[in-house]
Amino acid sequence: MKIHFQQALRALILLAFCGLIFQLHYTGDITKYINPKYVRLSQSASILFLFLFFIQITRIWSSKREKEDHEHHHGEDCCHHDHHSCSHHHDHGDTPFTGKKLLSYSIILFPLLTGFFLPARTLDASIAEKKGGLAILGNQKQEVNTSAGSEESDFDLEDYSFEEELEKVEELEHDLSVNEEVEEISNEEFEQLKKDLYSASAIKMDDKVFSLYYEEISKDIDKFIGREIEFQGFIYKEEGLASNQLVISRFLITHCVADASIIGFLSEMEEAPELYDNMWVKVSGVIDKASYNGTELPLIKIKEWKEIEEPFIPYLYPLTIKVL
C-alpha cells in the first residue's frame, strides 16, 4: 500500500474550501461578501467541494498491483507513440514536487489562508474615497434624471436602478431565485412602498427601502424639500466640503462586494468637525437641496443624531421583486 502525498494534499485543499464556506455561513460573515440572495448557491458550492473531497480520498492510497498495472498500460501506450508524444503524460499525483507545482499550490492556498486567518473587513470611508465619493453620488443623480426623463410615472422593472449597469442585471437576479429565504415583494407591494414615501409624515429609511427611497428622492428633490427624514449610515468626509458638512453613507451590493456602490446623503450639522470617518450614526433632519460640481444633490440638515454600533450586516441590497 502506497500513500500519495500530493493526492492527500489535494484532498485537504478540497476539504478546506468546504470548511471555509461552512464557517462563513456559520458566523454569518458570508453576507459581508455576497448578496444574501446567493446564499443557497454558496451552500451548493460547499456541498460540491465535500463531494469532490470524498472522490479524492480514493486516490490517496494505491496497492502495489495497481501501480504495476498502471505502469504496464502506460508502457503499452508509449509503444504506439514516438518519444516526444510519450513524454507528455498526465500528472497522477506521483510526479516530483517541482517549483512550478509549488507556485500552483501557493495560489490555491492563498485564499484559504486569508479566509481562515484574516477577519472579514467591512467596506468603509477609505473605499468610498477610492470609488469617487461625492463625484459618484453626483453621477448617480444625473443617471437617475436621465432615466426619469424617458418615463415620468410608469414603473418599469428593468428601469428600477440608479446605475445603468444595474439595469442590465436586474432581471437575471429575479430569475435566479437561489435563496428562498430572501424576502421578495410583488410589483403591487413595490408601488405601495413608493406611495408610502410620498404620503408619510416622516420618511424612515430602513435597510429594506433605503436604496429605493434614495433613488426617488434624488430623482426629484424639490418634491421632498422640507420633509423630515430618519436614517443611519457611516460618516465619510471629503476634501472640499465645508467644516459643518459630511456624507452619511451606505454601500449597496448587487451581487458581491466587488460591485459595491456607495449611496448616501450630503449632510450639515454643527457637530460635524467633532465626528470622524467610519463613525456610525443614526440621524434625523430635514431635506434641503445643495449643489456639488454643478449637480443638485439632496442635503440633509441634521437636527438630532446619536452614535450607534456598526450593524452586523452593514450593507444594503436591492429589493427583490417577484417576476410572475
C-alpha atoms as a PDB file:
ATOM      1  CA  MET A   1       0.000   0.000   0.000  1.00  0.00           C
ATOM      2  CA  LYS A   2       1.438   3.319  -1.070  1.00  0.00           C
ATOM      3  CA  ILE A   3       0.323   6.771   0.090  1.00  0.00           C
ATOM      4  CA  HIS A   4       0.425   9.579  -2.485  1.00  0.00           C
ATOM      5  CA  PHE A   5       1.312  12.811  -0.696  1.00  0.00           C
ATOM      6  CA  GLN A   6       0.154  15.141  -3.467  1.00  0.00           C
ATOM      7  CA  GLN A   7      -3.218  13.406  -3.757  1.00  0.00           C
ATOM      8  CA  ALA A   8      -3.638  13.767   0.014  1.00  0.00           C
ATOM      9  CA  LEU A   9      -2.782  17.459  -0.233  1.00  0.00           C
ATOM     10  CA  ARG A  10      -5.410  17.945  -2.934  1.00  0.00           C
ATOM     11  CA  ALA A  11      -7.997  16.215  -0.757  1.00  0.00           C
ATOM     12  CA  LEU A  12      -7.140  18.504   2.171  1.00  0.00           C
ATOM     13  CA  ILE A  13      -7.477  21.564  -0.065  1.00  0.00           C
ATOM     14  CA  LEU A  14     -10.963  20.482  -1.165  1.00  0.00           C
ATOM     15  CA  LEU A  15     -11.978  19.855   2.449  1.00  0.00           C
ATOM     16  CA  ALA A  16     -10.530  23.228   3.479  1.00  0.00           C
ATOM     17  CA  PHE A  17     -12.598  25.091   0.870  1.00  0.00           C
ATOM     18  CA  CYS A  18     -15.693  23.249   2.088  1.00  0.00           C
ATOM     19  CA  GLY A  19     -14.825  24.181   5.678  1.00  0.00           C
ATOM     20  CA  LEU A  20     -14.173  27.824   4.816  1.00  0.00           C
ATOM     21  CA  ILE A  21     -17.546  28.272   3.143  1.00  0.00           C
ATOM     22  CA  PHE A  22     -19.259  26.464   6.032  1.00  0.00           C
ATOM     23  CA  GLN A  23     -17.510  28.736   8.543  1.00  0.00           C
ATOM     24  CA  LEU A  24     -18.627  31.873   6.670  1.00  0.00           C
ATOM     25  CA  HIS A  25     -22.223  30.647   6.787  1.00  0.00           C
ATOM     26  CA  TYR A  26     -21.997  29.613  10.444  1.00  0.00           C
ATOM     27  CA  THR A  27     -20.652  33.006  11.561  1.00  0.00           C
ATOM     28  CA  GLY A  28     -22.883  34.989   9.180  1.00  0.00           C
ATOM     29  CA  ASP A  29     -19.860  36.641   7.566  1.00  0.00           C
ATOM     30  CA  ILE A  30     -20.946  35.316   4.170  1.00  0.00           C
ATOM     31  CA  THR A  31     -23.235  38.369   3.845  1.00  0.00           C
ATOM     32  CA  LYS A  32     -20.138  40.574   4.009  1.00  0.00           C
ATOM     33  CA  TYR A  33     -19.017  39.079   0.727  1.00  0.00           C
ATOM     34  CA  ILE A  34     -22.162  38.317  -1.285  1.00  0.00           C
ATOM     35  CA  ASN A  35     -25.790  39.336  -1.597  1.00  0.00           C
ATOM     36  CA  PRO A  36     -27.896  37.058   0.692  1.00  0.00           C
ATOM     37  CA  LYS A  37     -29.876  36.087  -2.387  1.00  0.00           C
ATOM     38  CA  TYR A  38     -26.919  33.910  -3.419  1.00  0.00           C
ATOM     39  CA  VAL A  39     -26.539  32.095  -0.099  1.00  0.00           C
ATOM     40  CA  ARG A  40     -28.081  28.897  -1.454  1.00  0.00           C
ATOM     41  CA  LEU A  41     -25.664  28.934  -4.383  1.00  0.00           C
ATOM     42  CA  SER A  42     -22.766  29.307  -1.955  1.00  0.00           C
ATOM     43  CA  GLN A  43     -24.060  26.398   0.118  1.00  0.00           C
ATOM     44  CA  SER A  44     -24.231  24.296  -3.028  1.00  0.00           C
ATOM     45  CA  ALA A  45     -20.579  25.070  -3.714  1.00  0.00           C
ATOM     46  CA  SER A  46     -19.679  23.858  -0.223  1.00  0.00           C
ATOM     47  CA  ILE A  47     -21.506  20.568  -0.809  1.00  0.00           C
ATOM     48  CA  LEU A  48     -19.768  20.177  -4.166  1.00  0.00           C
ATOM     49  CA  PHE A  49     -16.340  20.615  -2.541  1.00  0.00           C
ATOM     50  CA  LEU A  50     -17.262  17.970   0.042  1.00  0.00           C
ATOM     51  CA  PHE A  51     -18.372  15.577  -2.695  1.00  0.00           C
ATOM     52  CA  LEU A  52     -15.104  16.084  -4.594  1.00  0.00           C
ATOM     53  CA  PHE A  53     -13.191  15.542  -1.340  1.00  0.00           C
ATOM     54  CA  PHE A  54     -14.692  12.067  -0.913  1.00  0.00           C
ATOM     55  CA  ILE A  55     -13.815  11.211  -4.507  1.00  0.00           C
ATOM     56  CA  GLN A  56     -10.273  12.470  -3.997  1.00  0.00           C
ATOM     57  CA  ILE A  57      -9.810  10.286  -0.898  1.00  0.00           C
ATOM     58  CA  THR A  58      -9.931   7.182  -3.105  1.00  0.00           C
ATOM     59  CA  ARG A  59      -6.800   8.372  -4.924  1.00  0.00           C
ATOM     60  CA  ILE A  60      -4.616   8.779  -1.847  1.00  0.00           C
ATOM     61  CA  TRP A  61      -3.786   5.076  -1.447  1.00  0.00           C
ATOM     62  CA  SER A  62      -2.842   2.580  -4.125  1.00  0.00           C
ATOM     63  CA  SER A  63      -1.787  -1.061  -3.890  1.00  0.00           C
ATOM     64  CA  LYS A  64       1.375  -2.470  -5.439  1.00  0.00           C
ATOM     65  CA  ARG A  65      -0.669  -4.348  -8.032  1.00  0.00           C
ATOM     66  CA  GLU A  66      -2.498  -1.156  -9.107  1.00  0.00           C
ATOM     67  CA  LYS A  67       0.854   0.547  -9.557  1.00  0.00           C
ATOM     68  CA  GLU A  68       2.187  -2.323 -11.711  1.00  0.00           C
ATOM     69  CA  ASP A  69      -0.988  -2.334 -13.831  1.00  0.00           C
ATOM     70  CA  HIS A  70      -0.733   1.424 -14.345  1.00  0.00           C
ATOM     71  CA  GLU A  71       2.915   1.204 -15.387  1.00  0.00           C
ATOM     72  CA  HIS A  72       2.125  -1.721 -17.740  1.00  0.00           C
ATOM     73  CA  HIS A  73      -0.689   0.111 -19.528  1.00  0.00           C
ATOM     74  CA  HIS A  74       1.331   3.301 -19.626  1.00  0.00           C
ATOM     75  CA  GLY A  75       4.221   1.400 -21.270  1.00  0.00           C
ATOM     76  CA  GLU A  76       1.913  -0.105 -23.879  1.00  0.00           C
ATOM     77  CA  ASP A  77       0.539   3.314 -24.749  1.00  0.00           C
ATOM     78  CA  CYS A  78       4.022   4.680 -25.209  1.00  0.00           C
ATOM     79  CA  CYS A  79       4.851   1.917 -27.694  1.00  0.00           C
ATOM     80  CA  HIS A  80       2.301   3.404 -30.093  1.00  0.00           C
ATOM     81  CA  HIS A  81       3.765   6.907 -29.959  1.00  0.00           C
ATOM     82  CA  ASP A  82       7.109   8.471 -30.582  1.00  0.00           C
ATOM     83  CA  HIS A  83       9.336   9.604 -27.714  1.00  0.00           C
ATOM     84  CA  HIS A  84       8.143  13.252 -27.919  1.00  0.00           C
ATOM     85  CA  SER A  85       4.442  12.464 -27.507  1.00  0.00           C
ATOM     86  CA  CYS A  86       5.120   9.869 -24.811  1.00  0.00           C
ATOM     87  CA  SER A  87       6.772  12.466 -22.586  1.00  0.00           C
ATOM     88  CA  HIS A  88       3.544  14.435 -22.396  1.00  0.00           C
ATOM     89  CA  HIS A  89       1.669  12.250 -19.898  1.00  0.00           C
ATOM     90  CA  HIS A  90      -0.923  13.181 -17.303  1.00  0.00           C
ATOM     91  CA  ASP A  91       0.061  14.022 -13.738  1.00  0.00           C
ATOM     92  CA  HIS A  92      -1.339  11.281 -11.494  1.00  0.00           C
ATOM     93  CA  GLY A  93      -0.002  12.890  -8.335  1.00  0.00           C
ATOM     94  CA  ASP A  94       3.167  10.817  -8.132  1.00  0.00           C
ATOM     95  CA  THR A  95       5.494  13.022 -10.152  1.00  0.00           C
ATOM     96  CA  PRO A  96       8.260  15.028  -8.400  1.00  0.00           C
ATOM     97  CA  PHE A  97       7.206  18.137  -6.469  1.00  0.00           C
ATOM     98  CA  THR A  98       8.641  20.964  -8.614  1.00  0.00           C
ATOM     99  CA  GLY A  99       8.804  24.721  -8.217  1.00  0.00           C
ATOM    100  CA  LYS A 100       6.007  25.090 -10.761  1.00  0.00           C
ATOM    101  CA  LYS A 101       3.763  22.869  -8.637  1.00  0.00           C
ATOM    102  CA  LEU A 102       4.703  24.814  -5.519  1.00  0.00           C
ATOM    103  CA  LEU A 103       3.600  28.043  -7.206  1.00  0.00           C
ATOM    104  CA  SER A 104       0.305  26.463  -8.299  1.00  0.00           C
ATOM    105  CA  TYR A 105      -0.467  25.172  -4.813  1.00  0.00           C
ATOM    106  CA  SER A 106       0.500  28.542  -3.284  1.00  0.00           C
ATOM    107  CA  ILE A 107      -2.006  30.361  -5.491  1.00  0.00           C
ATOM    108  CA  ILE A 108      -4.730  27.925  -4.429  1.00  0.00           C
ATOM    109  CA  LEU A 109      -3.803  28.062  -0.735  1.00  0.00           C
ATOM    110  CA  PHE A 110      -3.654  31.870  -0.560  1.00  0.00           C
ATOM    111  CA  PRO A 111      -7.462  32.453  -0.395  1.00  0.00           C
ATOM    112  CA  LEU A 112      -7.741  29.671   2.185  1.00  0.00           C
ATOM    113  CA  LEU A 113      -5.119  31.216   4.457  1.00  0.00           C
ATOM    114  CA  THR A 114      -6.578  34.722   4.164  1.00  0.00           C
ATOM    115  CA  GLY A 115     -10.124  33.396   4.617  1.00  0.00           C
ATOM    116  CA  PHE A 116      -9.334  31.480   7.802  1.00  0.00           C
ATOM    117  CA  PHE A 117      -6.841  33.813   9.460  1.00  0.00           C
ATOM    118  CA  LEU A 118      -7.858  37.340   8.368  1.00  0.00           C
ATOM    119  CA  PRO A 119     -11.147  38.775   9.684  1.00  0.00           C
ATOM    120  CA  ALA A 120     -13.796  39.892   7.222  1.00  0.00           C
ATOM    121  CA  ARG A 121     -13.285  43.604   6.655  1.00  0.00           C
ATOM    122  CA  THR A 122     -16.218  45.922   6.110  1.00  0.00           C
ATOM    123  CA  LEU A 123     -16.062  48.438   3.278  1.00  0.00           C
ATOM    124  CA  ASP A 124     -15.516  51.872   4.797  1.00  0.00           C
ATOM    125  CA  ALA A 125     -14.766  55.536   4.078  1.00  0.00           C
ATOM    126  CA  SER A 126     -11.383  54.748   2.529  1.00  0.00           C
ATOM    127  CA  ILE A 127     -13.105  52.580  -0.094  1.00  0.00           C
ATOM    128  CA  ALA A 128     -15.758  55.260  -0.610  1.00  0.00           C
ATOM    129  CA  GLU A 129     -12.999  57.746  -1.405  1.00  0.00           C
ATOM    130  CA  LYS A 130     -11.367  55.372  -3.890  1.00  0.00           C
ATOM    131  CA  LYS A 131     -14.718  54.845  -5.620  1.00  0.00           C
ATOM    132  CA  GLY A 132     -15.123  58.589  -6.144  1.00  0.00           C
ATOM    133  CA  GLY A 133     -17.094  59.769  -3.121  1.00  0.00           C
ATOM    134  CA  LEU A 134     -19.403  62.688  -3.835  1.00  0.00           C
ATOM    135  CA  ALA A 135     -18.496  62.619  -7.513  1.00  0.00           C
ATOM    136  CA  ILE A 136     -20.127  59.190  -7.743  1.00  0.00           C
ATOM    137  CA  LEU A 137     -23.238  60.461  -5.958  1.00  0.00           C
ATOM    138  CA  GLY A 138     -23.423  63.283  -8.478  1.00  0.00           C
ATOM    139  CA  ASN A 139     -23.143  60.859 -11.391  1.00  0.00           C
ATOM    140  CA  GLN A 140     -25.901  58.705  -9.910  1.00  0.00           C
ATOM    141  CA  LYS A 141     -28.132  61.763  -9.700  1.00  0.00           C
ATOM    142  CA  GLN A 142     -27.545  62.541 -13.384  1.00  0.00           C
ATOM    143  CA  GLU A 143     -28.276  58.932 -14.414  1.00  0.00           C
ATOM    144  CA  VAL A 144     -31.481  58.902 -12.390  1.00  0.00           C
ATOM    145  CA  ASN A 145     -32.654  62.114 -14.023  1.00  0.00           C
ATOM    146  CA  THR A 146     -31.850  60.753 -17.479  1.00  0.00           C
ATOM    147  CA  SER A 147     -33.934  57.615 -16.924  1.00  0.00           C
ATOM    148  CA  ALA A 148     -36.709  59.663 -15.326  1.00  0.00           C
ATOM    149  CA  GLY A 149     -36.934  61.874 -18.413  1.00  0.00           C
ATOM    150  CA  SER A 150     -37.890  58.932 -20.599  1.00  0.00           C
ATOM    151  CA  GLU A 151     -40.716  57.751 -18.313  1.00  0.00           C
ATOM    152  CA  GLU A 152     -42.338  60.137 -15.895  1.00  0.00           C
ATOM    153  CA  SER A 153     -44.504  57.926 -13.710  1.00  0.00           C
ATOM    154  CA  ASP A 154     -44.938  54.433 -15.157  1.00  0.00           C
ATOM    155  CA  PHE A 155     -42.848  51.844 -13.376  1.00  0.00           C
ATOM    156  CA  ASP A 156     -40.734  49.506 -15.491  1.00  0.00           C
ATOM    157  CA  LEU A 157     -38.887  46.718 -13.688  1.00  0.00           C
ATOM    158  CA  GLU A 158     -35.874  46.983 -15.986  1.00  0.00           C
ATOM    159  CA  ASP A 159     -35.552  50.677 -15.145  1.00  0.00           C
ATOM    160  CA  TYR A 160     -35.537  50.117 -11.394  1.00  0.00           C
ATOM    161  CA  SER A 161     -31.998  51.062 -10.547  1.00  0.00           C
ATOM    162  CA  PHE A 162     -29.851  54.090 -10.058  1.00  0.00           C
ATOM    163  CA  GLU A 163     -26.992  52.821 -12.212  1.00  0.00           C
ATOM    164  CA  GLU A 164     -27.260  51.741 -15.834  1.00  0.00           C
ATOM    165  CA  GLU A 165     -25.154  48.653 -15.214  1.00  0.00           C
ATOM    166  CA  LEU A 166     -27.618  47.502 -12.536  1.00  0.00           C
ATOM    167  CA  GLU A 167     -30.482  47.744 -15.043  1.00  0.00           C
ATOM    168  CA  LYS A 168     -28.843  45.058 -17.168  1.00  0.00           C
ATOM    169  CA  VAL A 169     -28.610  42.511 -14.341  1.00  0.00           C
ATOM    170  CA  GLU A 170     -31.922  43.142 -12.522  1.00  0.00           C
ATOM    171  CA  GLU A 171     -33.949  40.530 -14.436  1.00  0.00           C
ATOM    172  CA  LEU A 172     -31.171  37.977 -14.036  1.00  0.00           C
ATOM    173  CA  GLU A 173     -31.296  38.427 -10.263  1.00  0.00           C
ATOM    174  CA  HIS A 174     -35.032  37.751 -10.171  1.00  0.00           C
ATOM    175  CA  ASP A 175     -34.784  34.667 -12.350  1.00  0.00           C
ATOM    176  CA  LEU A 176     -32.028  33.011 -10.307  1.00  0.00           C
ATOM    177  CA  SER A 177     -34.001  32.913  -7.034  1.00  0.00           C
ATOM    178  CA  VAL A 178     -31.198  30.930  -5.422  1.00  0.00           C
ATOM    179  CA  ASN A 179     -32.193  31.842  -1.874  1.00  0.00           C
ATOM    180  CA  GLU A 180     -35.834  31.271  -0.973  1.00  0.00           C
ATOM    181  CA  GLU A 181     -35.309  32.897   2.437  1.00  0.00           C
ATOM    182  CA  VAL A 182     -34.688  36.320   0.937  1.00  0.00           C
ATOM    183  CA  GLU A 183     -37.820  38.415   1.187  1.00  0.00           C
ATOM    184  CA  GLU A 184     -39.436  39.116  -2.155  1.00  0.00           C
ATOM    185  CA  ILE A 185     -42.106  41.688  -2.886  1.00  0.00           C
ATOM    186  CA  SER A 186     -44.622  41.936  -5.679  1.00  0.00           C
ATOM    187  CA  ASN A 187     -44.956  44.845  -8.083  1.00  0.00           C
ATOM    188  CA  GLU A 188     -48.018  45.979  -6.125  1.00  0.00           C
ATOM    189  CA  GLU A 189     -46.057  45.996  -2.878  1.00  0.00           C
ATOM    190  CA  PHE A 190     -43.261  47.862  -4.602  1.00  0.00           C
ATOM    191  CA  GLU A 191     -45.665  50.542  -5.805  1.00  0.00           C
ATOM    192  CA  GLN A 192     -47.143  50.770  -2.296  1.00  0.00           C
ATOM    193  CA  LEU A 193     -43.681  51.442  -0.855  1.00  0.00           C
ATOM    194  CA  LYS A 194     -43.311  54.323  -3.280  1.00  0.00           C
ATOM    195  CA  LYS A 195     -46.713  55.702  -2.303  1.00  0.00           C
ATOM    196  CA  ASP A 196     -45.776  55.464   1.379  1.00  0.00           C
ATOM    197  CA  LEU A 197     -42.690  57.544   0.655  1.00  0.00           C
ATOM    198  CA  TYR A 198     -44.799  60.394  -0.711  1.00  0.00           C
ATOM    199  CA  SER A 199     -47.592  60.191   1.869  1.00  0.00           C
ATOM    200  CA  ALA A 200     -45.761  59.548   5.146  1.00  0.00           C
ATOM    201  CA  SER A 201     -45.370  62.462   7.548  1.00  0.00           C
ATOM    202  CA  ALA A 202     -41.738  61.489   8.140  1.00  0.00           C
ATOM    203  CA  ILE A 203     -39.514  59.391   5.889  1.00  0.00           C
ATOM    204  CA  LYS A 204     -37.971  56.437   7.723  1.00  0.00           C
ATOM    205  CA  MET A 205     -35.287  54.826   5.622  1.00  0.00           C
ATOM    206  CA  ASP A 206     -34.693  51.339   6.979  1.00  0.00           C
ATOM    207  CA  ASP A 207     -32.408  48.913   5.171  1.00  0.00           C
ATOM    208  CA  LYS A 208     -35.233  47.403   3.128  1.00  0.00           C
ATOM    209  CA  VAL A 209     -36.297  50.644   1.418  1.00  0.00           C
ATOM    210  CA  PHE A 210     -33.093  52.699   1.640  1.00  0.00           C
ATOM    211  CA  SER A 211     -31.957  52.292  -1.972  1.00  0.00           C
ATOM    212  CA  LEU A 212     -35.487  52.765  -3.349  1.00  0.00           C
ATOM    213  CA  TYR A 213     -36.194  55.903  -1.312  1.00  0.00           C
ATOM    214  CA  TYR A 214     -32.726  57.273  -2.037  1.00  0.00           C
ATOM    215  CA  GLU A 215     -33.358  56.978  -5.764  1.00  0.00           C
ATOM    216  CA  GLU A 216     -36.816  58.540  -5.566  1.00  0.00           C
ATOM    217  CA  ILE A 217     -35.583  61.488  -3.508  1.00  0.00           C
ATOM    218  CA  SER A 218     -32.614  62.062  -5.823  1.00  0.00           C
ATOM    219  CA  LYS A 219     -34.890  61.883  -8.857  1.00  0.00           C
ATOM    220  CA  ASP A 220     -36.965  64.908  -7.847  1.00  0.00           C
ATOM    221  CA  ILE A 221     -35.507  66.694  -4.820  1.00  0.00           C
ATOM    222  CA  ASP A 222     -37.964  69.608  -4.959  1.00  0.00           C
ATOM    223  CA  LYS A 223     -40.876  67.312  -4.056  1.00  0.00           C
ATOM    224  CA  PHE A 224     -39.183  66.387  -0.785  1.00  0.00           C
ATOM    225  CA  ILE A 225     -37.732  69.703   0.380  1.00  0.00           C
ATOM    226  CA  GLY A 226     -38.888  70.402   3.930  1.00  0.00           C
ATOM    227  CA  ARG A 227     -39.765  66.752   4.640  1.00  0.00           C
ATOM    228  CA  GLU A 228     -38.415  65.110   7.793  1.00  0.00           C
ATOM    229  CA  ILE A 229     -36.172  62.104   7.288  1.00  0.00           C
ATOM    230  CA  GLU A 230     -34.537  59.488   9.515  1.00  0.00           C
ATOM    231  CA  PHE A 231     -31.775  57.065   8.531  1.00  0.00           C
ATOM    232  CA  GLN A 232     -28.419  55.626   9.602  1.00  0.00           C
ATOM    233  CA  GLY A 233     -25.014  55.153   8.000  1.00  0.00           C
ATOM    234  CA  PHE A 234     -21.280  55.685   8.390  1.00  0.00           C
ATOM    235  CA  ILE A 235     -19.595  59.065   8.149  1.00  0.00           C
ATOM    236  CA  TYR A 236     -17.433  59.933   5.184  1.00  0.00           C
ATOM    237  CA  LYS A 237     -15.638  63.282   4.956  1.00  0.00           C
ATOM    238  CA  GLU A 238     -14.260  64.590   1.698  1.00  0.00           C
ATOM    239  CA  GLU A 239     -11.868  67.396   0.933  1.00  0.00           C
ATOM    240  CA  GLY A 240     -13.639  70.484  -0.317  1.00  0.00           C
ATOM    241  CA  LEU A 241     -16.647  70.186   1.967  1.00  0.00           C
ATOM    242  CA  ALA A 242     -17.439  72.932   4.458  1.00  0.00           C
ATOM    243  CA  SER A 243     -16.438  72.322   8.066  1.00  0.00           C
ATOM    244  CA  ASN A 244     -20.068  71.635   9.008  1.00  0.00           C
ATOM    245  CA  GLN A 245     -20.651  69.198   6.150  1.00  0.00           C
ATOM    246  CA  LEU A 246     -20.147  65.441   5.809  1.00  0.00           C
ATOM    247  CA  VAL A 247     -21.655  62.498   3.942  1.00  0.00           C
ATOM    248  CA  ILE A 248     -23.660  59.808   5.735  1.00  0.00           C
ATOM    249  CA  SER A 249     -23.177  56.798   3.504  1.00  0.00           C
ATOM    250  CA  ARG A 250     -24.011  53.154   2.882  1.00  0.00           C
ATOM    251  CA  PHE A 251     -22.704  50.565   0.450  1.00  0.00           C
ATOM    252  CA  LEU A 252     -25.171  48.847  -1.886  1.00  0.00           C
ATOM    253  CA  ILE A 253     -24.239  45.329  -3.028  1.00  0.00           C
ATOM    254  CA  THR A 254     -25.931  43.850  -6.074  1.00  0.00           C
ATOM    255  CA  HIS A 255     -24.008  40.570  -6.338  1.00  0.00           C
ATOM    256  CA  CYS A 256     -20.838  40.730  -4.230  1.00  0.00           C
ATOM    257  CA  VAL A 257     -18.502  43.276  -2.620  1.00  0.00           C
ATOM    258  CA  ALA A 258     -16.650  43.668  -5.923  1.00  0.00           C
ATOM    259  CA  ASP A 259     -19.621  45.561  -7.401  1.00  0.00           C
ATOM    260  CA  ALA A 260     -20.422  47.568  -4.240  1.00  0.00           C
ATOM    261  CA  SER A 261     -21.510  51.140  -4.936  1.00  0.00           C
ATOM    262  CA  ILE A 262     -21.761  53.971  -2.445  1.00  0.00           C
ATOM    263  CA  ILE A 263     -25.013  55.823  -1.798  1.00  0.00           C
ATOM    264  CA  GLY A 264     -25.682  58.460   0.823  1.00  0.00           C
ATOM    265  CA  PHE A 265     -26.711  61.984   1.691  1.00  0.00           C
ATOM    266  CA  LEU A 266     -24.660  65.140   1.956  1.00  0.00           C
ATOM    267  CA  SER A 267     -25.487  66.449   5.430  1.00  0.00           C
ATOM    268  CA  GLU A 268     -24.960  69.564   7.535  1.00  0.00           C
ATOM    269  CA  MET A 269     -24.613  69.666  11.323  1.00  0.00           C
ATOM    270  CA  GLU A 270     -22.881  71.894  13.854  1.00  0.00           C
ATOM    271  CA  GLU A 271     -21.036  68.961  15.431  1.00  0.00           C
ATOM    272  CA  ALA A 272     -19.566  67.797  12.097  1.00  0.00           C
ATOM    273  CA  PRO A 273     -15.954  68.802  12.990  1.00  0.00           C
ATOM    274  CA  GLU A 274     -16.111  66.543  16.056  1.00  0.00           C
ATOM    275  CA  LEU A 275     -17.169  63.458  14.095  1.00  0.00           C
ATOM    276  CA  TYR A 276     -14.776  61.166  12.234  1.00  0.00           C
ATOM    277  CA  ASP A 277     -14.696  58.835   9.236  1.00  0.00           C
ATOM    278  CA  ASN A 278     -16.365  55.414   9.647  1.00  0.00           C
ATOM    279  CA  MET A 279     -18.300  56.501  12.720  1.00  0.00           C
ATOM    280  CA  TRP A 280     -21.811  55.014  12.539  1.00  0.00           C
ATOM    281  CA  VAL A 281     -24.644  57.394  13.371  1.00  0.00           C
ATOM    282  CA  LYS A 282     -28.417  57.459  13.355  1.00  0.00           C
ATOM    283  CA  VAL A 283     -29.738  60.870  12.338  1.00  0.00           C
ATOM    284  CA  SER A 284     -32.954  62.738  11.780  1.00  0.00           C
ATOM    285  CA  GLY A 285     -33.323  66.015   9.970  1.00  0.00           C
ATOM    286  CA  VAL A 286     -34.959  67.970   7.167  1.00  0.00           C
ATOM    287  CA  ILE A 287     -34.385  67.560   3.437  1.00  0.00           C
ATOM    288  CA  ASP A 288     -32.983  70.521   1.538  1.00  0.00           C
ATOM    289  CA  LYS A 289     -31.042  70.942  -1.703  1.00  0.00           C
ATOM    290  CA  ALA A 290     -27.386  71.707  -2.441  1.00  0.00           C
ATOM    291  CA  SER A 291     -25.104  71.843  -5.463  1.00  0.00           C
ATOM    292  CA  TYR A 292     -21.863  69.916  -5.933  1.00  0.00           C
ATOM    293  CA  ASN A 293     -19.788  70.440  -9.089  1.00  0.00           C
ATOM    294  CA  GLY A 294     -22.851  71.762 -10.878  1.00  0.00           C
ATOM    295  CA  THR A 295     -25.080  68.845  -9.861  1.00  0.00           C
ATOM    296  CA  GLU A 296     -28.011  69.263  -7.491  1.00  0.00           C
ATOM    297  CA  LEU A 297     -27.957  66.833  -4.565  1.00  0.00           C
ATOM    298  CA  PRO A 298     -30.255  66.233  -1.598  1.00  0.00           C
ATOM    299  CA  LEU A 299     -28.925  67.941   1.516  1.00  0.00           C
ATOM    300  CA  ILE A 300     -29.972  66.796   4.984  1.00  0.00           C
ATOM    301  CA  LYS A 301     -29.934  69.433   7.708  1.00  0.00           C
ATOM    302  CA  ILE A 302     -29.408  67.302  10.805  1.00  0.00           C
ATOM    303  CA  LYS A 303     -31.499  68.116  13.874  1.00  0.00           C
ATOM    304  CA  GLU A 304     -30.707  65.105  16.043  1.00  0.00           C
ATOM    305  CA  TRP A 305     -28.071  62.410  15.921  1.00  0.00           C
ATOM    306  CA  LYS A 306     -26.546  59.677  18.026  1.00  0.00           C
ATOM    307  CA  GLU A 307     -23.628  57.320  17.638  1.00  0.00           C
ATOM    308  CA  ILE A 308     -24.523  53.661  17.112  1.00  0.00           C
ATOM    309  CA  GLU A 309     -22.666  50.375  16.735  1.00  0.00           C
ATOM    310  CA  GLU A 310     -21.899  49.180  13.242  1.00  0.00           C
ATOM    311  CA  PRO A 311     -24.716  46.814  12.211  1.00  0.00           C
ATOM    312  CA  PHE A 312     -23.797  43.135  11.904  1.00  0.00           C
ATOM    313  CA  ILE A 313     -24.896  43.384   8.254  1.00  0.00           C
ATOM    314  CA  PRO A 314     -23.688  46.866   7.269  1.00  0.00           C
ATOM    315  CA  TYR A 315     -24.575  46.643   3.588  1.00  0.00           C
ATOM    316  CA  LEU A 316     -27.739  47.333   1.624  1.00  0.00           C
ATOM    317  CA  TYR A 317     -29.147  45.074  -1.083  1.00  0.00           C
ATOM    318  CA  PRO A 318     -31.544  45.882  -3.952  1.00  0.00           C
ATOM    319  CA  LEU A 319     -35.158  44.923  -3.448  1.00  0.00           C
ATOM    320  CA  THR A 320     -36.053  41.552  -4.934  1.00  0.00           C
ATOM    321  CA  ILE A 321     -39.258  41.804  -6.943  1.00  0.00           C
ATOM    322  CA  LYS A 322     -41.249  38.718  -7.862  1.00  0.00           C
ATOM    323  CA  VAL A 323     -41.455  38.115 -11.576  1.00  0.00           C
ATOM    324  CA  LEU A 324     -44.739  36.284 -12.209  1.00  0.00           C
END
